Amino acid sequence: MPTQTKALKIDRVAAGPGDSKKLISRQSKGNANPPMIADEFLSLDNLRAERDMPKHLVEAAQSRKIRIYTGSRSTPEIIRSKENPECFEFDLAAGGNVGLPGREAKRVSVEHVRKSLDPKVDLSGHRPAWIDYTPHAKTTMNPKPYIMRPNGKLIEPYYGVFGPDDRQVFYPSGYPWICIGKVFTWSDFSKPNPQFTGSGVLIGGRVVLTAGHMVPWGSSNWAMKFVPAFYDGASTLGPGVSSWVSDAQGYNDPVSAWDMAVLRLYTPLGQSYGYYGAKTYDSSWEGGDYWTLAGYPGAIANANRPSRQMWFPMLDDDGSGSADEIEYEADSTPGDSGGPVFGFWNGEPWPSVVGTVSGGTKEYFLWWVTEDTNVGAGGSAMVDLIKWAKSNWPV
């Protein structure tokens, strides 16, 4: 099982029974029109692509180009392998690796983001004319591991699962499911394998939205890789469909509501395969079974296939400035971090993200657990961060 990123877990102690749930006013933030419910979503039909994929994208998808980072400008000597004459080999200098390193990972203030974004940036999603629209992804079974307690009862060994695990493995084929991908993170790119993995979603032409704790902040030798539609070791779109991350930006606030980041891809995958829209979460939507969560948790298919849970409600949201911690009891475990929390709106042929998976939260009164939910990071802070990325990282 690949190493998975740990979900951000926040334990908060309530002052008393009445403080465990804050009474908040359900005032609209300008997006009062709610997402679709399941019955409305069921009526959507698949749509075939309007035209063939451009030849250069077909060729790029099947390419097996390998990029080598040497850590210097020297060229390694390539020799034929003694063990197998059909193979070639070379030695990398210390610090080298296969792939492209990141350039800048920056934590910034709200003011920095707001002053350098274009407020007119379009937050609509995008499906290229050569990509099928398949809202109803094919699902499959997931063999669930169990562990035994001393009394002989079987339990699932994962934090963040409420009752039976309701996540479904799906095969990513067609828009919008191919836009969700697996994120690989190196905090030390001199190591051959990533230190942890998580999830993300295409949110612009070359922009990915993920959790802030997926980024190796403070590292001077880091790398990240995004593979959309990752399934059993490669993208279903082709072996050449992936991109290394050149830059990352997120907020410098450690509170879970701010646990979000945007990634700039070297390759503009969103331009070729589509991306999601984004909306500011509205408190008036709480209680409606509108939402979907998707990602690559290690508990499901060993993080080699994506899973999702659909049609769950938001239970609460706690504001922190312009950021929002949205709370739900959808199942989420390590590896889901950074995956999108999203809905579908009538009249919009794309889904829109309202949050990114952050972790889990518990509140206590004395020794009683008064609240136990999973949480995502959203709010207008997320929308501003996406606007900033689209303004400053054009295709």
Protein backbone atom coordinates (compact mmCIF):
# COMPACT_ATOMS: atom_id res chain seq x y z
CA MET A 1 0.00 0.00 0.00
CA PRO A 2 1.47 3.38 -0.95
CA THR A 3 2.23 5.83 1.78
CA GLN A 4 -0.84 8.01 2.32
CA THR A 5 -1.01 11.55 3.58
CA LYS A 6 -2.56 11.88 7.01
CA ALA A 7 -5.90 13.65 7.10
CA LEU A 8 -5.83 16.83 9.10
CA LYS A 9 -7.52 15.97 12.39
CA ILE A 10 -8.75 18.75 14.64
CA ASP A 11 -9.84 18.00 18.21
CA ARG A 12 -11.71 20.86 19.84
CA VAL A 13 -12.97 20.97 23.43
CA ALA A 14 -16.35 22.59 23.97
CA ALA A 15 -16.92 24.65 27.11
CA GLY A 16 -20.25 22.98 27.78
CA PRO A 17 -23.11 21.04 26.17
CA GLY A 18 -24.62 24.22 24.72
CA ASP A 19 -21.33 25.18 23.05
CA SER A 20 -20.79 21.98 21.11
CA LYS A 21 -22.99 23.28 18.28
CA LYS A 22 -23.08 26.97 17.58
CA LEU A 23 -26.42 28.42 16.50
CA ILE A 24 -25.73 30.33 13.31
CA SER A 25 -27.95 32.37 11.06
CA ARG A 26 -28.68 30.66 7.75
CA GLN A 27 -28.14 33.74 5.64
CA SER A 28 -27.48 33.42 1.94
CA LYS A 29 -24.06 34.44 0.61
CA GLY A 30 -25.34 35.07 -2.91
CA ASN A 31 -25.59 31.48 -4.19
CA ALA A 32 -29.02 30.58 -2.85
CA ASN A 33 -29.82 28.41 -5.88
CA PRO A 34 -29.00 24.89 -4.55
CA PRO A 35 -27.40 22.02 -6.49
CA MET A 36 -29.35 19.15 -8.04
CA ILE A 37 -30.80 16.37 -5.94
CA ALA A 38 -30.33 12.72 -6.91
CA ASP A 39 -33.57 12.41 -8.89
CA GLU A 40 -32.67 15.43 -11.02
CA PHE A 41 -29.17 14.12 -11.60
CA LEU A 42 -30.60 10.76 -12.69
CA SER A 43 -32.33 12.45 -15.63
CA LEU A 44 -29.03 13.60 -17.15
CA ASP A 45 -28.02 11.75 -20.31
CA ASN A 46 -24.54 10.92 -21.53
CA LEU A 47 -23.36 12.98 -24.50
CA ARG A 48 -20.85 11.90 -27.11
CA ALA A 49 -17.98 14.20 -28.01
CA GLU A 50 -18.79 16.59 -30.84
CA ARG A 51 -15.52 15.92 -32.65
CA ASP A 52 -12.38 13.82 -32.57
CA MET A 53 -9.55 14.69 -30.23
CA PRO A 54 -6.81 16.70 -31.97
CA LYS A 55 -3.98 14.55 -33.28
CA HIS A 56 -1.31 16.17 -31.13
CA LEU A 57 -3.28 15.36 -27.95
CA VAL A 58 -3.79 11.75 -29.04
CA GLU A 59 -0.06 11.41 -29.62
CA ALA A 60 0.79 13.11 -26.32
CA ALA A 61 -1.60 10.82 -24.41
CA GLN A 62 0.20 7.75 -25.72
CA SER A 63 3.69 9.18 -25.26
CA ARG A 64 6.01 7.59 -22.72
CA LYS A 65 8.44 10.50 -22.53
CA ILE A 66 10.69 10.36 -19.47
CA ARG A 67 12.03 13.53 -17.90
CA ILE A 68 15.23 13.29 -15.87
CA TYR A 69 16.21 15.79 -13.22
CA THR A 70 19.98 15.55 -12.69
CA GLY A 71 20.36 18.28 -10.09
CA SER A 72 23.01 19.89 -12.29
CA ARG A 73 23.65 20.80 -15.93
CA SER A 74 25.84 17.76 -16.53
CA THR A 75 24.62 14.99 -18.84
CA PRO A 76 24.76 11.47 -17.36
CA GLU A 77 26.49 8.78 -19.40
CA ILE A 78 24.01 6.34 -20.90
CA ILE A 79 25.21 2.77 -21.37
CA ARG A 80 23.65 -0.51 -22.43
CA SER A 81 22.73 -2.73 -19.48
CA LYS A 82 24.92 -5.79 -18.89
CA GLU A 83 21.96 -7.64 -17.38
CA ASN A 84 19.71 -7.11 -20.40
CA PRO A 85 21.00 -5.82 -23.77
CA GLU A 86 17.56 -4.37 -24.56
CA CYS A 87 17.86 -1.97 -21.63
CA PHE A 88 19.88 1.19 -21.06
CA GLU A 89 21.04 2.64 -17.76
CA PHE A 90 22.83 5.63 -16.29
CA ASP A 91 23.80 6.87 -12.87
CA LEU A 92 22.18 9.99 -11.46
CA ALA A 93 24.15 12.35 -9.30
CA ALA A 94 23.04 12.84 -5.72
CA GLY A 95 19.76 14.77 -5.68
CA GLY A 96 18.65 13.61 -9.12
CA ASN A 97 15.35 11.92 -9.88
CA VAL A 98 12.92 11.01 -12.63
CA GLY A 99 10.58 13.95 -13.17
CA LEU A 100 10.47 17.72 -12.79
CA PRO A 101 11.04 19.51 -9.47
CA GLY A 102 8.81 22.25 -8.15
CA ARG A 103 9.93 25.87 -8.28
CA GLU A 104 8.07 27.87 -5.63
CA ALA A 105 5.68 26.76 -2.88
CA LYS A 106 4.38 29.89 -1.21
CA ARG A 107 2.06 30.52 1.74
CA VAL A 108 0.44 33.93 1.55
CA SER A 109 -2.11 36.21 3.18
CA VAL A 110 -5.68 36.88 2.11
CA GLU A 111 -4.65 40.42 1.18
CA HIS A 112 -1.91 39.14 -1.14
CA VAL A 113 -4.40 36.96 -3.01
CA ARG A 114 -7.11 39.60 -3.28
CA LYS A 115 -4.88 42.39 -4.58
CA SER A 116 -3.44 40.29 -7.41
CA LEU A 117 -6.48 38.53 -8.86
CA ASP A 118 -8.81 39.49 -11.68
CA PRO A 119 -12.32 39.77 -10.16
CA LYS A 120 -13.83 39.10 -13.59
CA VAL A 121 -12.28 35.63 -13.86
CA ASP A 122 -14.82 33.08 -15.12
CA LEU A 123 -15.46 30.31 -12.57
CA SER A 124 -17.39 28.11 -15.00
CA GLY A 125 -16.29 24.56 -15.65
CA HIS A 126 -15.11 23.42 -19.06
CA ARG A 127 -15.59 20.28 -21.18
CA PRO A 128 -13.58 20.20 -24.42
CA ALA A 129 -15.57 19.31 -27.54
CA TRP A 130 -13.58 16.07 -27.96
CA ILE A 131 -14.41 14.68 -24.48
CA ASP A 132 -17.54 12.62 -23.80
CA TYR A 133 -19.94 13.84 -21.11
CA THR A 134 -20.65 10.90 -18.80
CA PRO A 135 -22.26 12.07 -15.56
CA HIS A 136 -23.06 8.50 -14.56
CA ALA A 137 -19.67 6.83 -14.09
CA LYS A 138 -19.42 3.04 -14.04
CA THR A 139 -18.93 1.62 -10.55
CA THR A 140 -17.38 -1.58 -9.29
CA MET A 141 -16.96 -3.47 -6.02
CA ASN A 142 -14.28 -2.84 -3.43
CA PRO A 143 -13.04 -5.71 -1.25
CA LYS A 144 -13.11 -4.29 2.29
CA PRO A 145 -10.43 -5.34 4.79
CA TYR A 146 -11.43 -5.85 8.40
CA ILE A 147 -9.62 -6.32 11.67
CA MET A 148 -10.76 -8.35 14.68
CA ARG A 149 -11.32 -6.93 18.15
CA PRO A 150 -10.44 -8.94 21.28
CA ASN A 151 -14.09 -9.96 21.66
CA GLY A 152 -14.12 -11.42 18.16
CA LYS A 153 -16.12 -8.66 16.46
CA LEU A 154 -14.93 -7.33 13.11
CA ILE A 155 -14.38 -3.61 12.56
CA GLU A 156 -13.09 -1.42 9.75
CA PRO A 157 -9.75 0.12 10.83
CA TYR A 158 -10.26 3.63 9.46
CA TYR A 159 -10.89 6.97 11.09
CA GLY A 160 -13.55 9.02 9.35
CA VAL A 161 -15.99 6.28 8.36
CA PHE A 162 -19.53 6.56 9.70
CA GLY A 163 -21.15 3.13 9.91
CA PRO A 164 -20.68 0.99 6.80
CA ASP A 165 -18.27 2.51 4.29
CA ASP A 166 -20.50 4.02 1.60
CA ARG A 167 -17.78 4.95 -0.88
CA GLN A 168 -17.96 3.37 -4.34
CA VAL A 169 -15.02 2.65 -6.62
CA PHE A 170 -15.64 4.11 -10.07
CA TYR A 171 -13.97 3.91 -13.45
CA PRO A 172 -12.95 7.42 -14.59
CA SER A 173 -14.20 7.71 -18.15
CA GLY A 174 -15.57 10.93 -19.65
CA TYR A 175 -16.18 14.35 -18.18
CA PRO A 176 -16.38 15.22 -15.30
CA TRP A 177 -14.87 12.15 -13.59
CA ILE A 178 -11.59 12.26 -15.53
CA CYS A 179 -10.83 15.65 -13.93
CA ILE A 180 -10.29 14.09 -10.49
CA GLY A 181 -6.78 12.77 -10.00
CA LYS A 182 -4.14 11.43 -7.66
CA VAL A 183 -1.49 13.74 -6.23
CA PHE A 184 2.02 12.46 -5.46
CA THR A 185 4.19 14.58 -3.14
CA TRP A 186 7.93 14.57 -2.51
CA SER A 187 9.14 16.72 0.37
CA ASP A 188 12.62 15.46 -0.61
CA PHE A 189 12.96 14.97 -4.36
CA SER A 190 16.30 13.19 -3.96
CA LYS A 191 14.26 10.15 -2.84
CA PRO A 192 12.96 7.92 -5.63
CA ASN A 193 9.44 7.50 -4.22
CA PRO A 194 6.91 10.09 -3.03
CA GLN A 195 6.63 10.64 0.70
CA PHE A 196 2.82 10.72 0.59
CA THR A 197 -0.15 10.84 -1.79
CA GLY A 198 -3.57 12.40 -1.85
CA SER A 199 -6.12 13.79 -4.27
CA GLY A 200 -6.91 16.87 -6.34
CA VAL A 201 -9.15 18.16 -9.12
CA LEU A 202 -8.58 20.21 -12.26
CA ILE A 203 -10.08 23.64 -11.66
CA GLY A 204 -8.55 25.58 -14.56
CA GLY A 205 -6.53 25.20 -17.75
CA ARG A 206 -3.36 24.37 -15.82
CA VAL A 207 -4.64 24.65 -12.23
CA VAL A 208 -5.36 21.93 -9.65
CA LEU A 209 -7.17 22.47 -6.34
CA THR A 210 -6.01 20.36 -3.39
CA ALA A 211 -5.62 20.52 0.39
CA GLY A 212 -3.00 22.83 1.86
CA HIS A 213 -1.41 20.00 3.84
CA MET A 214 -0.67 18.18 0.57
CA VAL A 215 2.03 20.75 -0.24
CA PRO A 216 5.53 20.27 1.29
CA TRP A 217 5.79 23.83 2.61
CA GLY A 218 9.30 24.88 3.58
CA SER A 219 11.12 22.29 1.47
CA SER A 220 13.83 23.57 -0.87
CA ASN A 221 13.89 20.32 -2.83
CA TRP A 222 10.28 19.35 -3.43
CA ALA A 223 8.15 17.95 -6.22
CA MET A 224 4.51 17.12 -6.86
CA LYS A 225 2.85 15.18 -9.66
CA PHE A 226 -0.81 15.12 -10.71
CA VAL A 227 -2.32 12.20 -12.64
CA PRO A 228 -5.95 12.76 -13.70
CA ALA A 229 -8.20 9.70 -13.97
CA PHE A 230 -5.56 7.58 -12.21
CA TYR A 231 -6.59 3.92 -12.29
CA ASP A 232 -4.38 0.90 -11.58
CA GLY A 233 -1.06 2.67 -12.07
CA ALA A 234 -1.76 5.12 -14.90
CA SER A 235 -4.35 7.49 -16.29
CA THR A 236 -7.26 5.95 -18.19
CA LEU A 237 -6.66 8.76 -20.69
CA GLY A 238 -3.29 7.32 -21.70
CA PRO A 239 0.17 6.61 -20.23
CA GLY A 240 1.40 10.09 -21.14
CA VAL A 241 -1.40 12.00 -19.39
CA SER A 242 0.06 13.48 -16.21
CA SER A 243 1.90 16.61 -15.19
CA TRP A 244 4.50 17.69 -12.70
CA VAL A 245 3.75 20.75 -10.59
CA SER A 246 5.81 23.89 -11.11
CA ASP A 247 4.37 26.10 -8.34
CA ALA A 248 2.00 25.97 -5.38
CA GLN A 249 0.23 28.65 -3.40
CA GLY A 250 -1.93 28.46 -0.29
CA TYR A 251 -2.85 30.49 2.76
CA ASN A 252 -0.60 30.98 5.77
CA ASP A 253 -3.38 30.33 8.31
CA PRO A 254 -3.12 26.89 10.03
CA VAL A 255 -6.88 26.67 10.77
CA SER A 256 -8.59 23.82 8.90
CA ALA A 257 -11.00 26.19 7.11
CA TRP A 258 -7.94 27.58 5.28
CA ASP A 259 -6.48 24.15 4.43
CA MET A 260 -6.47 24.68 0.65
CA ALA A 261 -3.91 25.19 -2.09
CA VAL A 262 -3.72 25.67 -5.84
CA LEU A 263 -1.08 23.97 -7.98
CA ARG A 264 0.32 25.18 -11.30
CA LEU A 265 0.91 22.35 -13.76
CA TYR A 266 3.78 22.37 -16.23
CA THR A 267 1.35 20.79 -18.73
CA PRO A 268 -2.09 22.45 -19.13
CA LEU A 269 -4.13 19.27 -18.69
CA GLY A 270 -7.35 21.14 -17.94
CA GLN A 271 -7.27 22.78 -21.34
CA SER A 272 -7.16 19.32 -22.95
CA TYR A 273 -9.45 17.29 -20.68
CA GLY A 274 -11.69 19.80 -18.91
CA TYR A 275 -12.06 21.22 -15.42
CA TYR A 276 -14.65 21.94 -12.73
CA GLY A 277 -16.36 25.19 -11.83
CA ALA A 278 -16.28 26.70 -8.33
CA LYS A 279 -18.80 28.36 -6.01
CA THR A 280 -18.78 29.95 -2.59
CA TYR A 281 -20.54 27.67 -0.13
CA ASP A 282 -23.90 28.99 1.11
CA SER A 283 -25.22 28.14 4.59
CA SER A 284 -28.77 27.91 3.23
CA TRP A 285 -27.77 24.69 1.46
CA GLU A 286 -27.27 22.76 4.71
CA GLY A 287 -29.44 19.70 5.16
CA GLY A 288 -29.88 19.08 1.43
CA ASP A 289 -28.58 15.79 -0.01
CA TYR A 290 -26.71 17.54 -2.82
CA TRP A 291 -23.06 16.69 -2.42
CA THR A 292 -20.39 14.35 -3.75
CA LEU A 293 -16.89 13.68 -2.38
CA ALA A 294 -14.25 11.86 -4.41
CA GLY A 295 -10.60 10.92 -4.06
CA TYR A 296 -7.95 8.22 -3.66
CA PRO A 297 -8.02 6.91 -0.06
CA GLY A 298 -5.68 4.10 0.88
CA ALA A 299 -8.62 2.30 2.49
CA ILE A 300 -10.28 1.84 -0.91
CA ALA A 301 -8.58 -0.23 -3.62
CA ASN A 302 -5.22 0.55 -2.02
CA ALA A 303 -5.48 4.09 -3.47
CA ASN A 304 -5.05 2.67 -6.97
CA ARG A 305 -8.62 3.47 -8.03
CA PRO A 306 -10.83 6.48 -7.31
CA SER A 307 -13.87 6.27 -5.07
CA ARG A 308 -16.78 8.57 -4.39
CA GLN A 309 -19.73 9.05 -2.08
CA MET A 310 -22.74 10.86 -3.50
CA TRP A 311 -25.87 12.58 -2.17
CA PHE A 312 -24.90 13.45 1.38
CA PRO A 313 -25.83 16.68 3.24
CA MET A 314 -23.72 19.35 4.86
CA LEU A 315 -24.39 19.40 8.59
CA ASP A 316 -22.80 22.71 9.58
CA ASP A 317 -20.25 25.29 8.53
CA ASP A 318 -17.93 27.31 10.73
CA GLY A 319 -16.58 30.54 9.32
CA SER A 320 -13.03 31.78 9.83
CA GLY A 321 -12.88 35.13 8.10
CA SER A 322 -13.57 34.50 4.42
CA ALA A 323 -12.82 30.77 4.74
CA ASP A 324 -15.41 28.16 5.69
CA GLU A 325 -15.01 24.80 7.40
CA ILE A 326 -17.85 22.71 5.95
CA GLU A 327 -18.86 19.67 8.00
CA TYR A 328 -20.38 16.39 6.82
CA GLU A 329 -20.56 12.70 7.69
CA ALA A 330 -19.49 11.46 4.27
CA ASP A 331 -16.76 8.84 4.62
CA SER A 332 -13.24 10.21 4.23
CA THR A 333 -9.91 8.67 5.23
CA PRO A 334 -6.19 9.32 4.54
CA GLY A 335 -5.60 9.74 0.81
CA ASP A 336 -8.89 11.57 0.27
CA SER A 337 -7.10 14.76 1.32
CA GLY A 338 -7.43 17.39 -1.38
CA GLY A 339 -10.25 15.66 -3.18
CA PRO A 340 -13.18 17.83 -4.31
CA VAL A 341 -16.48 18.30 -2.47
CA PHE A 342 -18.88 19.32 -5.23
CA GLY A 343 -22.41 19.45 -6.60
CA PHE A 344 -24.24 19.65 -9.92
CA TRP A 345 -26.45 22.63 -10.79
CA ASN A 346 -29.40 22.75 -13.17
CA GLY A 347 -28.53 24.60 -16.36
CA GLU A 348 -24.78 24.14 -15.86
CA PRO A 349 -23.20 21.23 -17.78
CA TRP A 350 -20.34 21.03 -15.30
CA PRO A 351 -20.02 20.35 -11.56
CA SER A 352 -18.80 23.05 -9.19
CA VAL A 353 -16.50 22.61 -6.22
CA VAL A 354 -17.50 24.15 -2.87
CA GLY A 355 -14.65 22.69 -0.82
CA THR A 356 -11.57 20.51 -0.71
CA VAL A 357 -11.25 17.57 1.72
CA SER A 358 -9.24 18.53 4.80
CA GLY A 359 -9.71 15.89 7.50
CA GLY A 360 -11.87 15.15 10.52
CA THR A 361 -12.98 17.01 13.63
CA LYS A 362 -14.16 15.98 17.08
CA GLU A 363 -15.63 18.11 19.83
CA TYR A 364 -15.80 17.01 23.46
CA PHE A 365 -17.61 17.85 26.67
CA LEU A 366 -15.58 16.24 29.43
CA TRP A 367 -15.13 12.69 28.14
CA TRP A 368 -18.18 12.65 25.84
CA VAL A 369 -17.84 13.15 22.10
CA THR A 370 -20.47 15.75 21.24
CA GLU A 371 -19.59 16.08 17.57
CA ASP A 372 -17.72 13.81 15.15
CA THR A 373 -17.59 14.87 11.50
CA ASN A 374 -15.32 15.10 8.51
CA VAL A 375 -14.52 18.55 7.16
CA GLY A 376 -13.60 20.37 4.00
CA ALA A 377 -12.10 23.82 3.40
CA GLY A 378 -14.11 26.27 1.30
CA GLY A 379 -15.73 29.70 1.32
CA SER A 380 -14.95 32.82 -0.67
CA ALA A 381 -11.28 32.34 0.30
CA MET A 382 -11.23 29.22 -1.88
CA VAL A 383 -12.92 31.02 -4.77
CA ASP A 384 -10.45 33.92 -4.49
CA LEU A 385 -7.52 31.50 -4.50
CA ILE A 386 -8.84 29.89 -7.69
CA LYS A 387 -9.38 33.32 -9.27
CA TRP A 388 -5.81 34.23 -8.32
CA ALA A 389 -4.46 31.07 -9.95
CA LYS A 390 -6.42 31.61 -13.16
CA SER A 391 -5.30 35.26 -13.24
CA ASN A 392 -1.59 34.56 -12.66
CA TRP A 393 -1.12 31.12 -14.23
CA PRO A 394 -2.69 31.40 -17.71
CA VAL A 395 -2.57 28.55 -20.18
